[in-house]
């Protein structure tokens, strides 16, 4: 799995504090959305040359790690 910690950044004043790629204004959510729409990592890099394939993989690794630590709380009935 890609070590995303050196690629995914959190800055309070940038994009509302959402996790971004290397301090750019491209969020992890942006990248995940493009992948969900069917774009390949190669398509994303072609459309956004400031990104690398490693950046795209870091977004996936970040999301996978977050999911691993997600906690679901059931609302009171």
Protein backbone atom coordinates (compact mmCIF):
# COMPACT_ATOMS: atom_id res chain seq x y z
CA UNK A 1 0.00 0.00 0.00
CA UNK A 2 1.25 3.49 -0.84
CA UNK A 3 2.46 5.54 2.13
CA UNK A 4 0.18 8.53 1.77
CA UNK A 5 1.53 10.46 4.76
CA UNK A 6 4.10 12.37 2.70
CA UNK A 7 1.59 13.13 -0.08
CA UNK A 8 -1.75 13.93 1.58
CA UNK A 9 -1.71 17.26 3.42
CA UNK A 10 -4.15 19.01 5.74
CA UNK A 11 -4.12 22.81 5.87
CA UNK A 12 -6.88 24.61 7.78
CA UNK A 13 -7.13 27.50 5.28
CA UNK A 14 -7.06 25.43 2.11
CA UNK A 15 -10.24 23.88 0.67
CA UNK A 16 -11.93 24.09 4.06
CA UNK A 17 -9.30 21.94 5.75
CA UNK A 18 -10.06 18.92 3.57
CA UNK A 19 -7.19 16.52 2.84
CA UNK A 20 -5.38 17.67 -0.30
CA UNK A 21 -2.67 16.28 -2.55
CA UNK A 22 0.80 17.73 -1.80
CA UNK A 23 -0.61 21.11 -0.76
CA UNK A 24 -2.36 21.58 -4.09
CA UNK A 25 -5.99 22.65 -4.21
CA UNK A 26 -6.96 19.16 -5.39
CA UNK A 27 -8.64 17.19 -2.61
CA UNK A 28 -8.69 13.49 -1.93
CA UNK A 29 -12.45 13.74 -2.44
CA UNK A 30 -11.89 15.19 -5.94
CA UNK A 31 -9.65 12.29 -6.91
CA UNK A 32 -11.95 9.65 -5.42
CA UNK A 33 -14.88 11.20 -7.27
CA UNK A 34 -13.04 11.04 -10.59
CA UNK A 35 -12.16 7.40 -9.97
CA UNK A 36 -15.79 6.66 -9.05
CA UNK A 37 -16.88 8.23 -12.36
CA UNK A 38 -14.72 5.69 -14.18
CA UNK A 39 -11.55 7.68 -14.81
CA UNK A 40 -8.34 5.69 -14.59
CA UNK A 41 -5.28 7.02 -12.77
CA UNK A 42 -3.77 7.63 -16.21
CA UNK A 43 -6.85 9.67 -17.26
CA UNK A 44 -6.57 11.79 -14.11
CA UNK A 45 -2.86 12.47 -14.63
CA UNK A 46 -3.52 13.38 -18.27
CA UNK A 47 -6.22 15.87 -17.23
CA UNK A 48 -4.29 17.17 -14.20
CA UNK A 49 -0.58 17.03 -15.08
CA UNK A 50 0.35 18.44 -11.68
CA UNK A 51 -0.67 15.05 -10.26
CA UNK A 52 1.25 11.79 -10.52
CA UNK A 53 0.04 8.21 -10.45
CA UNK A 54 1.55 7.97 -6.96
CA UNK A 55 -0.66 10.89 -5.89
CA UNK A 56 -3.77 9.05 -7.10
CA UNK A 57 -2.69 5.87 -5.32
CA UNK A 58 -2.01 7.89 -2.16
CA UNK A 59 -5.62 9.14 -2.25
CA UNK A 60 -6.85 5.55 -2.42
CA UNK A 61 -4.53 4.50 0.40
CA UNK A 62 -5.70 7.44 2.53
CA UNK A 63 -9.35 6.53 1.94
CA UNK A 64 -8.70 2.86 2.71
CA UNK A 65 -6.95 3.78 5.95
CA UNK A 66 -9.78 6.11 6.97
CA UNK A 67 -12.34 3.40 6.25
CA UNK A 68 -10.38 0.96 8.39
CA UNK A 69 -10.75 3.35 11.34
CA UNK A 70 -14.37 4.35 10.72
CA UNK A 71 -16.80 3.81 13.56
CA UNK A 72 -20.53 3.52 12.99
CA UNK A 73 -22.88 4.69 15.70
CA UNK A 74 -26.50 3.60 15.60
CA UNK A 75 -29.02 6.33 16.34
CA UNK A 76 -31.33 5.84 19.30
CA UNK A 77 -34.67 4.38 18.34
